[in-house]
Amino acid sequence: GEIDPNEFVNALYRMKHAKAKTTTKLVKHMVSNLDMKHDMAVQEMTRQMTNLHSQVSSIGFDHGTPDFERAFHEQELAFQQKILAQEEALRSTLEVALNKASAVAMEAALEAASRCGRSAMRSGR
């Protein structure tokens, strides 16, 4: 798929300048959208495979012939490869998003700890 550059820049900016809790919610929302898009793509490919099978059946192609079996098998393999590629892309995107969210959360926690330490040192505790 394609990513709109403006949408990508806005998402990165929000992650960089938001609080850790906000960033986590943003990543969760982005992953949910990716999951929904993946499900829609799988449904569309399934629909296309069903249509292909119907079209082949309507022209009276004998399902038992080697040509039909080979063509159908090739289409099925292509379908499975597309699904696997989408799943891998989703997994990769999720991993990057979680790593980014973890880094932002860690940075926020370290900054808070640093502020707390500086405050304690100033007050003489």
N, C-alpha and C. Protein backbone atom coordinates (compact mmCIF):
# COMPACT_ATOMS: atom_id res chain seq x y z
N GLY A 1 0.83 -1.18 0.00
CA GLY A 1 0.00 0.00 0.00
C GLY A 1 0.87 1.24 0.00
N GLU A 2 0.22 2.36 -0.07
CA GLU A 2 0.91 3.64 -0.08
C GLU A 2 0.58 4.40 1.20
N ILE A 3 1.52 5.24 1.60
CA ILE A 3 1.32 6.08 2.77
C ILE A 3 1.36 7.53 2.30
N ASP A 4 0.37 8.29 2.71
CA ASP A 4 0.33 9.71 2.39
C ASP A 4 1.45 10.40 3.18
N PRO A 5 2.36 11.10 2.51
CA PRO A 5 3.49 11.72 3.22
C PRO A 5 3.05 12.67 4.34
N ASN A 6 2.00 13.46 4.10
CA ASN A 6 1.53 14.39 5.13
C ASN A 6 1.00 13.64 6.34
N GLU A 7 0.26 12.56 6.10
CA GLU A 7 -0.28 11.76 7.20
C GLU A 7 0.87 11.14 8.01
N PHE A 8 1.89 10.65 7.32
CA PHE A 8 3.05 10.04 7.98
C PHE A 8 3.79 11.07 8.84
N VAL A 9 4.04 12.24 8.29
CA VAL A 9 4.75 13.30 9.02
C VAL A 9 3.94 13.73 10.24
N ASN A 10 2.62 13.89 10.06
CA ASN A 10 1.77 14.27 11.19
C ASN A 10 1.80 13.22 12.29
N ALA A 11 1.75 11.95 11.90
CA ALA A 11 1.77 10.87 12.90
C ALA A 11 3.10 10.88 13.65
N LEU A 12 4.21 11.03 12.94
CA LEU A 12 5.52 11.08 13.60
C LEU A 12 5.63 12.30 14.53
N TYR A 13 5.13 13.43 14.07
CA TYR A 13 5.18 14.64 14.90
C TYR A 13 4.38 14.44 16.18
N ARG A 14 3.17 13.87 16.04
CA ARG A 14 2.34 13.64 17.23
C ARG A 14 3.01 12.67 18.18
N MET A 15 3.65 11.62 17.65
CA MET A 15 4.34 10.66 18.51
C MET A 15 5.51 11.32 19.23
N LYS A 16 6.24 12.15 18.53
CA LYS A 16 7.44 12.78 19.11
C LYS A 16 7.07 13.77 20.21
N HIS A 17 5.96 14.51 20.03
CA HIS A 17 5.63 15.59 20.95
C HIS A 17 4.47 15.28 21.90
N ALA A 18 3.99 14.08 21.88
CA ALA A 18 2.86 13.72 22.76
C ALA A 18 3.38 13.01 24.01
N LYS A 19 2.50 12.91 24.98
CA LYS A 19 2.84 12.15 26.18
C LYS A 19 2.82 10.67 25.84
N ALA A 20 3.47 9.86 26.69
CA ALA A 20 3.58 8.42 26.43
C ALA A 20 2.20 7.77 26.32
N LYS A 21 1.27 8.15 27.17
CA LYS A 21 -0.07 7.55 27.14
C LYS A 21 -0.77 7.89 25.82
N THR A 22 -0.63 9.13 25.39
CA THR A 22 -1.23 9.55 24.12
C THR A 22 -0.60 8.79 22.96
N THR A 23 0.71 8.64 22.99
CA THR A 23 1.42 7.93 21.93
C THR A 23 0.97 6.48 21.87
N THR A 24 0.82 5.85 23.02
CA THR A 24 0.37 4.46 23.05
C THR A 24 -1.02 4.33 22.43
N LYS A 25 -1.90 5.26 22.76
CA LYS A 25 -3.26 5.23 22.18
C LYS A 25 -3.21 5.47 20.68
N LEU A 26 -2.33 6.37 20.26
CA LEU A 26 -2.18 6.66 18.83
C LEU A 26 -1.70 5.41 18.09
N VAL A 27 -0.70 4.73 18.64
CA VAL A 27 -0.18 3.51 18.01
C VAL A 27 -1.26 2.44 17.97
N LYS A 28 -2.01 2.30 19.05
CA LYS A 28 -3.10 1.31 19.09
C LYS A 28 -4.12 1.62 17.99
N HIS A 29 -4.46 2.88 17.82
CA HIS A 29 -5.42 3.28 16.78
C HIS A 29 -4.86 2.97 15.39
N MET A 30 -3.59 3.27 15.18
CA MET A 30 -2.98 3.01 13.87
C MET A 30 -2.96 1.51 13.57
N VAL A 31 -2.63 0.70 14.57
CA VAL A 31 -2.58 -0.75 14.37
C VAL A 31 -3.99 -1.29 14.11
N SER A 32 -4.98 -0.76 14.82
CA SER A 32 -6.37 -1.19 14.59
C SER A 32 -6.79 -0.89 13.15
N ASN A 33 -6.41 0.29 12.66
CA ASN A 33 -6.73 0.64 11.27
C ASN A 33 -6.03 -0.29 10.29
N LEU A 34 -4.76 -0.62 10.56
CA LEU A 34 -4.04 -1.54 9.68
C LEU A 34 -4.71 -2.92 9.69
N ASP A 35 -5.11 -3.37 10.85
CA ASP A 35 -5.77 -4.67 10.97
C ASP A 35 -7.08 -4.68 10.17
N MET A 36 -7.84 -3.59 10.29
CA MET A 36 -9.11 -3.49 9.55
C MET A 36 -8.85 -3.51 8.04
N LYS A 37 -7.85 -2.76 7.58
CA LYS A 37 -7.52 -2.73 6.16
C LYS A 37 -7.06 -4.11 5.67
N HIS A 38 -6.30 -4.80 6.51
CA HIS A 38 -5.86 -6.16 6.16
C HIS A 38 -7.06 -7.08 6.01
N ASP A 39 -7.99 -7.04 6.95
CA ASP A 39 -9.19 -7.88 6.88
C ASP A 39 -10.00 -7.57 5.62
N MET A 40 -10.11 -6.28 5.28
CA MET A 40 -10.85 -5.91 4.08
C MET A 40 -10.15 -6.45 2.83
N ALA A 41 -8.82 -6.40 2.80
CA ALA A 41 -8.07 -6.91 1.66
C ALA A 41 -8.25 -8.42 1.51
N VAL A 42 -8.22 -9.14 2.63
CA VAL A 42 -8.42 -10.59 2.59
C VAL A 42 -9.82 -10.90 2.07
N GLN A 43 -10.82 -10.17 2.54
CA GLN A 43 -12.20 -10.39 2.07
C GLN A 43 -12.30 -10.12 0.57
N GLU A 44 -11.65 -9.07 0.09
CA GLU A 44 -11.69 -8.74 -1.34
C GLU A 44 -11.01 -9.83 -2.16
N MET A 45 -9.87 -10.32 -1.70
CA MET A 45 -9.18 -11.38 -2.44
C MET A 45 -10.01 -12.66 -2.44
N THR A 46 -10.66 -12.95 -1.34
CA THR A 46 -11.52 -14.14 -1.28
C THR A 46 -12.67 -13.99 -2.27
N ARG A 47 -13.24 -12.78 -2.32
CA ARG A 47 -14.34 -12.52 -3.27
C ARG A 47 -13.85 -12.71 -4.70
N GLN A 48 -12.65 -12.22 -5.00
CA GLN A 48 -12.11 -12.35 -6.35
C GLN A 48 -11.84 -13.81 -6.70
N MET A 49 -11.36 -14.57 -5.75
CA MET A 49 -11.13 -16.00 -6.01
C MET A 49 -12.46 -16.72 -6.27
N THR A 50 -13.49 -16.36 -5.52
CA THR A 50 -14.81 -16.97 -5.72
C THR A 50 -15.34 -16.60 -7.10
N ASN A 51 -15.18 -15.34 -7.50
CA ASN A 51 -15.61 -14.90 -8.82
C ASN A 51 -14.86 -15.63 -9.92
N LEU A 52 -13.57 -15.80 -9.74
CA LEU A 52 -12.76 -16.52 -10.72
C LEU A 52 -13.26 -17.95 -10.87
N HIS A 53 -13.51 -18.58 -9.76
CA HIS A 53 -13.99 -19.96 -9.79
C HIS A 53 -15.35 -20.03 -10.49
N SER A 54 -16.22 -19.07 -10.22
CA SER A 54 -17.54 -19.03 -10.87
C SER A 54 -17.41 -18.81 -12.37
N GLN A 55 -16.51 -17.91 -12.77
CA GLN A 55 -16.32 -17.64 -14.20
C GLN A 55 -15.79 -18.87 -14.92
N VAL A 56 -14.83 -19.55 -14.31
CA VAL A 56 -14.28 -20.75 -14.93
C VAL A 56 -15.36 -21.82 -15.04
N SER A 57 -16.18 -21.94 -14.00
CA SER A 57 -17.25 -22.93 -14.03
C SER A 57 -18.29 -22.60 -15.08
N SER A 58 -18.58 -21.30 -15.27
CA SER A 58 -19.62 -20.89 -16.21
C SER A 58 -19.25 -21.16 -17.67
N ILE A 59 -17.95 -21.25 -17.96
CA ILE A 59 -17.57 -21.52 -19.35
C ILE A 59 -17.46 -23.02 -19.61
N GLY A 60 -17.81 -23.79 -18.63
CA GLY A 60 -17.86 -25.23 -18.81
C GLY A 60 -16.51 -25.91 -18.77
N PHE A 61 -15.57 -25.29 -18.13
CA PHE A 61 -14.24 -25.89 -17.99
C PHE A 61 -14.35 -27.09 -17.06
N ASP A 62 -13.82 -28.20 -17.47
CA ASP A 62 -13.89 -29.41 -16.65
C ASP A 62 -12.92 -29.26 -15.48
N HIS A 63 -13.50 -29.29 -14.26
CA HIS A 63 -12.70 -29.10 -13.05
C HIS A 63 -11.64 -30.17 -12.88
N GLY A 64 -11.82 -31.31 -13.49
CA GLY A 64 -10.88 -32.40 -13.31
C GLY A 64 -9.69 -32.36 -14.24
N THR A 65 -9.66 -31.42 -15.17
CA THR A 65 -8.55 -31.39 -16.13
C THR A 65 -7.31 -30.82 -15.47
N PRO A 66 -6.15 -31.27 -15.93
CA PRO A 66 -4.90 -30.74 -15.37
C PRO A 66 -4.76 -29.23 -15.56
N ASP A 67 -5.26 -28.70 -16.70
CA ASP A 67 -5.16 -27.26 -16.95
C ASP A 67 -5.93 -26.46 -15.90
N PHE A 68 -7.14 -26.91 -15.61
CA PHE A 68 -7.95 -26.21 -14.61
C PHE A 68 -7.28 -26.30 -13.25
N GLU A 69 -6.86 -27.49 -12.88
CA GLU A 69 -6.25 -27.68 -11.57
C GLU A 69 -4.99 -26.82 -11.43
N ARG A 70 -4.19 -26.78 -12.48
CA ARG A 70 -2.97 -25.98 -12.44
C ARG A 70 -3.30 -24.48 -12.34
N ALA A 71 -4.23 -24.02 -13.16
CA ALA A 71 -4.61 -22.60 -13.14
C ALA A 71 -5.19 -22.21 -11.78
N PHE A 72 -6.06 -23.06 -11.27
CA PHE A 72 -6.67 -22.75 -9.98
C PHE A 72 -5.61 -22.77 -8.87
N HIS A 73 -4.72 -23.74 -8.93
CA HIS A 73 -3.66 -23.84 -7.93
C HIS A 73 -2.75 -22.60 -7.98
N GLU A 74 -2.43 -22.15 -9.19
CA GLU A 74 -1.59 -20.97 -9.34
C GLU A 74 -2.27 -19.73 -8.75
N GLN A 75 -3.58 -19.60 -9.02
CA GLN A 75 -4.33 -18.47 -8.47
C GLN A 75 -4.39 -18.55 -6.94
N GLU A 76 -4.58 -19.74 -6.44
CA GLU A 76 -4.64 -19.92 -4.99
C GLU A 76 -3.30 -19.60 -4.34
N LEU A 77 -2.20 -20.02 -4.97
CA LEU A 77 -0.87 -19.70 -4.45
C LEU A 77 -0.61 -18.19 -4.47
N ALA A 78 -1.02 -17.55 -5.55
CA ALA A 78 -0.85 -16.09 -5.64
C ALA A 78 -1.64 -15.39 -4.54
N PHE A 79 -2.85 -15.87 -4.31
CA PHE A 79 -3.71 -15.33 -3.26
C PHE A 79 -3.03 -15.49 -1.89
N GLN A 80 -2.51 -16.68 -1.63
CA GLN A 80 -1.86 -16.95 -0.35
C GLN A 80 -0.60 -16.09 -0.19
N GLN A 81 0.14 -15.89 -1.27
CA GLN A 81 1.34 -15.07 -1.20
C GLN A 81 0.99 -13.61 -0.90
N LYS A 82 -0.11 -13.12 -1.47
CA LYS A 82 -0.53 -11.75 -1.19
C LYS A 82 -0.91 -11.61 0.28
N ILE A 83 -1.62 -12.59 0.80
CA ILE A 83 -2.01 -12.55 2.21
C ILE A 83 -0.78 -12.59 3.10
N LEU A 84 0.16 -13.48 2.79
CA LEU A 84 1.38 -13.57 3.59
C LEU A 84 2.18 -12.27 3.54
N ALA A 85 2.25 -11.66 2.36
CA ALA A 85 2.97 -10.39 2.22
C ALA A 85 2.29 -9.30 3.05
N GLN A 86 0.96 -9.26 3.03
CA GLN A 86 0.24 -8.27 3.84
C GLN A 86 0.44 -8.52 5.32
N GLU A 87 0.40 -9.78 5.72
CA GLU A 87 0.62 -10.10 7.13
C GLU A 87 2.02 -9.71 7.57
N GLU A 88 3.01 -9.95 6.73
CA GLU A 88 4.38 -9.58 7.05
C GLU A 88 4.52 -8.06 7.15
N ALA A 89 3.89 -7.35 6.21
CA ALA A 89 3.94 -5.89 6.25
C ALA A 89 3.26 -5.37 7.52
N LEU A 90 2.15 -5.98 7.89
CA LEU A 90 1.44 -5.59 9.10
C LEU A 90 2.30 -5.87 10.33
N ARG A 91 2.93 -7.03 10.36
CA ARG A 91 3.81 -7.39 11.48
C ARG A 91 4.97 -6.41 11.59
N SER A 92 5.56 -6.09 10.45
CA SER A 92 6.69 -5.17 10.43
C SER A 92 6.27 -3.77 10.90
N THR A 93 5.15 -3.30 10.41
CA THR A 93 4.64 -1.98 10.81
C THR A 93 4.32 -1.96 12.29
N LEU A 94 3.72 -3.04 12.77
CA LEU A 94 3.40 -3.13 14.19
C LEU A 94 4.67 -3.11 15.03
N GLU A 95 5.69 -3.83 14.61
CA GLU A 95 6.94 -3.87 15.34
C GLU A 95 7.59 -2.49 15.40
N VAL A 96 7.60 -1.79 14.28
CA VAL A 96 8.18 -0.44 14.24
C VAL A 96 7.37 0.49 15.15
N ALA A 97 6.04 0.40 15.07
CA ALA A 97 5.20 1.27 15.89
C ALA A 97 5.39 0.99 17.37
N LEU A 98 5.45 -0.28 17.74
CA LEU A 98 5.65 -0.62 19.15
C LEU A 98 7.03 -0.20 19.64
N ASN A 99 8.04 -0.38 18.81
CA ASN A 99 9.38 0.07 19.18
C ASN A 99 9.41 1.58 19.39
N LYS A 100 8.75 2.30 18.50
CA LYS A 100 8.69 3.77 18.61
C LYS A 100 7.94 4.16 19.88
N ALA A 101 6.80 3.51 20.13
CA ALA A 101 6.02 3.82 21.32
C ALA A 101 6.82 3.51 22.58
N SER A 102 7.54 2.41 22.57
CA SER A 102 8.37 2.05 23.73
C SER A 102 9.47 3.08 23.95
N ALA A 103 10.10 3.50 22.87
CA ALA A 103 11.17 4.50 22.98
C ALA A 103 10.62 5.82 23.51
N VAL A 104 9.46 6.24 23.02
CA VAL A 104 8.85 7.48 23.49
C VAL A 104 8.47 7.36 24.96
N ALA A 105 7.90 6.21 25.34
CA ALA A 105 7.51 6.00 26.74
C ALA A 105 8.75 5.99 27.64
N MET A 106 9.83 5.33 27.19
CA MET A 106 11.06 5.29 27.98
C MET A 106 11.65 6.68 28.11
N GLU A 107 11.66 7.43 27.04
CA GLU A 107 12.18 8.80 27.07
C GLU A 107 11.37 9.65 28.05
N ALA A 108 10.05 9.50 28.02
CA ALA A 108 9.20 10.26 28.94
C ALA A 108 9.45 9.84 30.39
N ALA A 109 9.61 8.55 30.63
CA ALA A 109 9.87 8.06 31.99
C ALA A 109 11.22 8.56 32.50
N LEU A 110 12.24 8.52 31.65
CA LEU A 110 13.56 9.01 32.05
C LEU A 110 13.54 10.51 32.32
N GLU A 111 12.82 11.23 31.50
CA GLU A 111 12.70 12.68 31.71
C GLU A 111 11.99 12.97 33.02
N ALA A 112 10.93 12.23 33.32
CA ALA A 112 10.21 12.42 34.58
C ALA A 112 11.10 12.07 35.77
N ALA A 113 11.85 10.98 35.66
CA ALA A 113 12.75 10.58 36.74
C ALA A 113 13.84 11.63 36.93
N SER A 114 14.33 12.17 35.83
CA SER A 114 15.36 13.21 35.90
C SER A 114 14.82 14.46 36.59
N ARG A 115 13.62 14.87 36.22
CA ARG A 115 13.00 16.03 36.87
C ARG A 115 12.81 15.79 38.36
N CYS A 116 12.36 14.58 38.70
CA CYS A 116 12.13 14.22 40.09
C CYS A 116 13.45 14.26 40.87
N GLY A 117 14.51 13.73 40.26
CA GLY A 117 15.82 13.73 40.90
C GLY A 117 16.35 15.13 41.09
N ARG A 118 16.21 15.98 40.08
CA ARG A 118 16.66 17.37 40.19
C ARG A 118 15.89 18.10 41.26
N SER A 119 14.60 17.84 41.32
CA SER A 119 13.74 18.48 42.33
C SER A 119 14.15 18.05 43.73
N ALA A 120 14.44 16.74 43.89
CA ALA A 120 14.84 16.23 45.20
C ALA A 120 16.19 16.82 45.61
N MET A 121 17.10 16.96 44.66
CA MET A 121 18.42 17.52 44.99
C MET A 121 18.30 18.99 45.39
N ARG A 122 17.41 19.74 44.72
CA ARG A 122 17.23 21.17 45.06
C ARG A 122 16.63 21.34 46.44
N SER A 123 15.72 20.43 46.77
CA SER A 123 15.05 20.58 48.07
C SER A 123 15.89 19.99 49.20
N GLY A 124 17.01 19.32 48.87
CA GLY A 124 17.92 18.80 49.88
C GLY A 124 17.50 17.47 50.46
N ARG A 125 16.67 16.72 49.78
CA ARG A 125 16.26 15.40 50.29
C ARG A 125 17.29 14.37 50.05
